[in-house]
């Protein structure tokens, strides 16, 4: 069986802080971060 090497995640402090901010806000799926994400994705489509 072919082995796939393990690699730790590569996350910056800024990314970790954004996730922590979203979690602390209590708005994980329908809050302002989701709205902004959807807006940015829509610009690509």
PDB file of N, CA and C in Angstrom:
ATOM      1  N   UNK A   1       0.839  -1.171   0.000  1.00  0.00           N
ATOM      2  CA  UNK A   1       0.000   0.000   0.000  1.00  0.00           C
ATOM      3  C   UNK A   1       0.891   1.243   0.000  1.00  0.00           C
ATOM      4  N   UNK A   2       0.515   2.218  -0.826  1.00  0.00           N
ATOM      5  CA  UNK A   2       1.290   3.455  -0.897  1.00  0.00           C
ATOM      6  C   UNK A   2       1.041   4.293   0.360  1.00  0.00           C
ATOM      7  N   UNK A   3       2.129   4.778   0.952  1.00  0.00           N
ATOM      8  CA  UNK A   3       2.009   5.623   2.138  1.00  0.00           C
ATOM      9  C   UNK A   3       1.913   7.088   1.722  1.00  0.00           C
ATOM     10  N   UNK A   4       1.021   7.792   2.365  1.00  0.00           N
ATOM     11  CA  UNK A   4       0.881   9.229   2.139  1.00  0.00           C
ATOM     12  C   UNK A   4       1.495   9.927   3.346  1.00  0.00           C
ATOM     13  N   UNK A   5       2.512  10.765   3.129  1.00  0.00           N
ATOM     14  CA  UNK A   5       3.178  11.404   4.259  1.00  0.00           C
ATOM     15  C   UNK A   5       2.245  12.366   4.997  1.00  0.00           C
ATOM     16  N   UNK A   6       2.400  12.395   6.305  1.00  0.00           N
ATOM     17  CA  UNK A   6       1.628  13.293   7.158  1.00  0.00           C
ATOM     18  C   UNK A   6       2.271  14.669   7.143  1.00  0.00           C
ATOM     19  N   UNK A   7       1.440  15.675   7.082  1.00  0.00           N
ATOM     20  CA  UNK A   7       1.941  17.048   7.111  1.00  0.00           C
ATOM     21  C   UNK A   7       1.054  17.869   8.036  1.00  0.00           C
ATOM     22  N   UNK A   8       1.640  18.604   8.957  1.00  0.00           N
ATOM     23  CA  UNK A   8       0.819  19.427   9.846  1.00  0.00           C
ATOM     24  C   UNK A   8       0.171  20.570   9.066  1.00  0.00           C
ATOM     25  N   UNK A   9      -0.949  21.100   9.566  1.00  0.00           N
ATOM     26  CA  UNK A   9      -1.600  22.211   8.874  1.00  0.00           C
ATOM     27  C   UNK A   9      -0.713  23.450   8.846  1.00  0.00           C
ATOM     28  N   UNK A  10      -0.857  24.215   7.799  1.00  0.00           N
ATOM     29  CA  UNK A  10      -0.089  25.449   7.641  1.00  0.00           C
ATOM     30  C   UNK A  10      -1.054  26.625   7.779  1.00  0.00           C
ATOM     31  N   UNK A  11      -1.172  27.147   9.005  1.00  0.00           N
ATOM     32  CA  UNK A  11      -2.097  28.245   9.286  1.00  0.00           C
ATOM     33  C   UNK A  11      -1.340  29.396   9.926  1.00  0.00           C
ATOM     34  N   UNK A  12      -1.620  30.584   9.440  1.00  0.00           N
ATOM     35  CA  UNK A  12      -0.981  31.765  10.022  1.00  0.00           C
ATOM     36  C   UNK A  12      -1.737  32.194  11.282  1.00  0.00           C
ATOM     37  N   UNK A  13      -1.118  33.037  12.071  1.00  0.00           N
ATOM     38  CA  UNK A  13      -1.783  33.581  13.263  1.00  0.00           C
ATOM     39  C   UNK A  13      -3.028  34.364  12.870  1.00  0.00           C
ATOM     40  N   UNK A  14      -2.963  35.060  11.731  1.00  0.00           N
ATOM     41  CA  UNK A  14      -4.126  35.827  11.262  1.00  0.00           C
ATOM     42  C   UNK A  14      -5.304  34.895  10.987  1.00  0.00           C
ATOM     43  N   UNK A  15      -5.039  33.752  10.367  1.00  0.00           N
ATOM     44  CA  UNK A  15      -6.105  32.789  10.083  1.00  0.00           C
ATOM     45  C   UNK A  15      -6.673  32.208  11.374  1.00  0.00           C
ATOM     46  N   UNK A  16      -5.812  31.875  12.303  1.00  0.00           N
ATOM     47  CA  UNK A  16      -6.259  31.347  13.593  1.00  0.00           C
ATOM     48  C   UNK A  16      -7.107  32.385  14.319  1.00  0.00           C
ATOM     49  N   UNK A  17      -6.688  33.636  14.282  1.00  0.00           N
ATOM     50  CA  UNK A  17      -7.444  34.704  14.939  1.00  0.00           C
ATOM     51  C   UNK A  17      -8.818  34.896  14.308  1.00  0.00           C
ATOM     52  N   UNK A  18      -8.907  34.791  12.983  1.00  0.00           N
ATOM     53  CA  UNK A  18     -10.206  34.919  12.300  1.00  0.00           C
ATOM     54  C   UNK A  18     -11.156  33.809  12.736  1.00  0.00           C
ATOM     55  N   UNK A  19     -10.653  32.584  12.811  1.00  0.00           N
ATOM     56  CA  UNK A  19     -11.481  31.459  13.243  1.00  0.00           C
ATOM     57  C   UNK A  19     -11.914  31.650  14.691  1.00  0.00           C
ATOM     58  N   UNK A  20     -10.990  32.038  15.552  1.00  0.00           N
ATOM     59  CA  UNK A  20     -11.319  32.260  16.960  1.00  0.00           C
ATOM     60  C   UNK A  20     -12.365  33.360  17.107  1.00  0.00           C
ATOM     61  N   UNK A  21     -12.239  34.429  16.324  1.00  0.00           N
ATOM     62  CA  UNK A  21     -13.206  35.528  16.375  1.00  0.00           C
ATOM     63  C   UNK A  21     -14.601  35.040  15.978  1.00  0.00           C
ATOM     64  N   UNK A  22     -14.669  34.237  14.928  1.00  0.00           N
ATOM     65  CA  UNK A  22     -15.958  33.696  14.491  1.00  0.00           C
ATOM     66  C   UNK A  22     -16.560  32.792  15.563  1.00  0.00           C
ATOM     67  N   UNK A  23     -15.752  31.939  16.167  1.00  0.00           N
ATOM     68  CA  UNK A  23     -16.250  31.052  17.216  1.00  0.00           C
ATOM     69  C   UNK A  23     -16.737  31.835  18.429  1.00  0.00           C
ATOM     70  N   UNK A  24     -16.005  32.854  18.822  1.00  0.00           N
ATOM     71  CA  UNK A  24     -16.402  33.666  19.981  1.00  0.00           C
ATOM     72  C   UNK A  24     -17.683  34.461  19.726  1.00  0.00           C
ATOM     73  N   UNK A  25     -17.935  34.799  18.467  1.00  0.00           N
ATOM     74  CA  UNK A  25     -19.112  35.607  18.139  1.00  0.00           C
ATOM     75  C   UNK A  25     -20.412  34.833  18.330  1.00  0.00           C
ATOM     76  N   UNK A  26     -20.322  33.500  18.281  1.00  0.00           N
ATOM     77  CA  UNK A  26     -21.528  32.694  18.386  1.00  0.00           C
ATOM     78  C   UNK A  26     -22.248  32.524  17.054  1.00  0.00           C
ATOM     79  N   UNK A  27     -21.747  33.167  16.012  1.00  0.00           N
ATOM     80  CA  UNK A  27     -22.340  33.080  14.677  1.00  0.00           C
ATOM     81  C   UNK A  27     -21.414  32.262  13.784  1.00  0.00           C
ATOM     82  N   UNK A  28     -21.611  30.953  13.771  1.00  0.00           N
ATOM     83  CA  UNK A  28     -20.702  30.101  13.014  1.00  0.00           C
ATOM     84  C   UNK A  28     -21.193  29.863  11.585  1.00  0.00           C
ATOM     85  N   UNK A  29     -22.514  29.712  11.386  1.00  0.00           N
ATOM     86  CA  UNK A  29     -22.998  29.357  10.046  1.00  0.00           C
ATOM     87  C   UNK A  29     -23.808  30.443   9.357  1.00  0.00           C
ATOM     88  N   UNK A  30     -24.345  31.401  10.081  1.00  0.00           N
ATOM     89  CA  UNK A  30     -25.216  32.394   9.436  1.00  0.00           C
ATOM     90  C   UNK A  30     -24.832  33.828   9.767  1.00  0.00           C
ATOM     91  N   UNK A  31     -23.664  34.024  10.284  1.00  0.00           N
ATOM     92  CA  UNK A  31     -23.256  35.358  10.717  1.00  0.00           C
ATOM     93  C   UNK A  31     -22.552  36.173   9.654  1.00  0.00           C
ATOM     94  N   UNK A  32     -21.969  37.288  10.066  1.00  0.00           N
ATOM     95  CA  UNK A  32     -21.334  38.214   9.127  1.00  0.00           C
ATOM     96  C   UNK A  32     -20.131  37.618   8.390  1.00  0.00           C
ATOM     97  N   UNK A  33     -19.402  36.723   9.014  1.00  0.00           N
ATOM     98  CA  UNK A  33     -18.252  36.102   8.328  1.00  0.00           C
ATOM     99  C   UNK A  33     -18.741  35.238   7.161  1.00  0.00           C
ATOM    100  N   UNK A  34     -19.846  34.528   7.370  1.00  0.00           N
ATOM    101  CA  UNK A  34     -20.413  33.709   6.302  1.00  0.00           C
ATOM    102  C   UNK A  34     -20.905  34.582   5.163  1.00  0.00           C
ATOM    103  N   UNK A  35     -21.574  35.666   5.491  1.00  0.00           N
ATOM    104  CA  UNK A  35     -22.068  36.592   4.461  1.00  0.00           C
ATOM    105  C   UNK A  35     -20.908  37.137   3.626  1.00  0.00           C
ATOM    106  N   UNK A  36     -19.828  37.518   4.281  1.00  0.00           N
ATOM    107  CA  UNK A  36     -18.665  38.048   3.566  1.00  0.00           C
ATOM    108  C   UNK A  36     -18.029  36.967   2.692  1.00  0.00           C
ATOM    109  N   UNK A  37     -17.919  35.754   3.224  1.00  0.00           N
ATOM    110  CA  UNK A  37     -17.379  34.635   2.454  1.00  0.00           C
ATOM    111  C   UNK A  37     -18.223  34.383   1.203  1.00  0.00           C
ATOM    112  N   UNK A  38     -19.542  34.348   1.372  1.00  0.00           N
ATOM    113  CA  UNK A  38     -20.435  34.123   0.238  1.00  0.00           C
ATOM    114  C   UNK A  38     -20.302  35.236  -0.802  1.00  0.00           C
ATOM    115  N   UNK A  39     -20.166  36.464  -0.351  1.00  0.00           N
ATOM    116  CA  UNK A  39     -20.017  37.593  -1.267  1.00  0.00           C
ATOM    117  C   UNK A  39     -18.732  37.445  -2.089  1.00  0.00           C
ATOM    118  N   UNK A  40     -17.634  37.083  -1.420  1.00  0.00           N
ATOM    119  CA  UNK A  40     -16.359  36.926  -2.117  1.00  0.00           C
ATOM    120  C   UNK A  40     -16.377  35.750  -3.091  1.00  0.00           C
ATOM    121  N   UNK A  41     -17.002  34.650  -2.700  1.00  0.00           N
ATOM    122  CA  UNK A  41     -17.112  33.496  -3.598  1.00  0.00           C
ATOM    123  C   UNK A  41     -17.957  33.856  -4.812  1.00  0.00           C
ATOM    124  N   UNK A  42     -19.047  34.587  -4.601  1.00  0.00           N
ATOM    125  CA  UNK A  42     -19.930  34.972  -5.707  1.00  0.00           C
ATOM    126  C   UNK A  42     -19.192  35.825  -6.736  1.00  0.00           C
ATOM    127  N   UNK A  43     -18.219  36.598  -6.292  1.00  0.00           N
ATOM    128  CA  UNK A  43     -17.447  37.427  -7.216  1.00  0.00           C
ATOM    129  C   UNK A  43     -16.608  36.566  -8.170  1.00  0.00           C
ATOM    130  N   UNK A  44     -16.287  35.352  -7.758  1.00  0.00           N
ATOM    131  CA  UNK A  44     -15.467  34.451  -8.579  1.00  0.00           C
ATOM    132  C   UNK A  44     -16.293  33.647  -9.570  1.00  0.00           C
ATOM    133  N   UNK A  45     -17.574  33.568  -9.362  1.00  0.00           N
ATOM    134  CA  UNK A  45     -18.440  32.714 -10.209  1.00  0.00           C
ATOM    135  C   UNK A  45     -19.096  33.493 -11.321  1.00  0.00           C
TER     136      UNK A  45
END
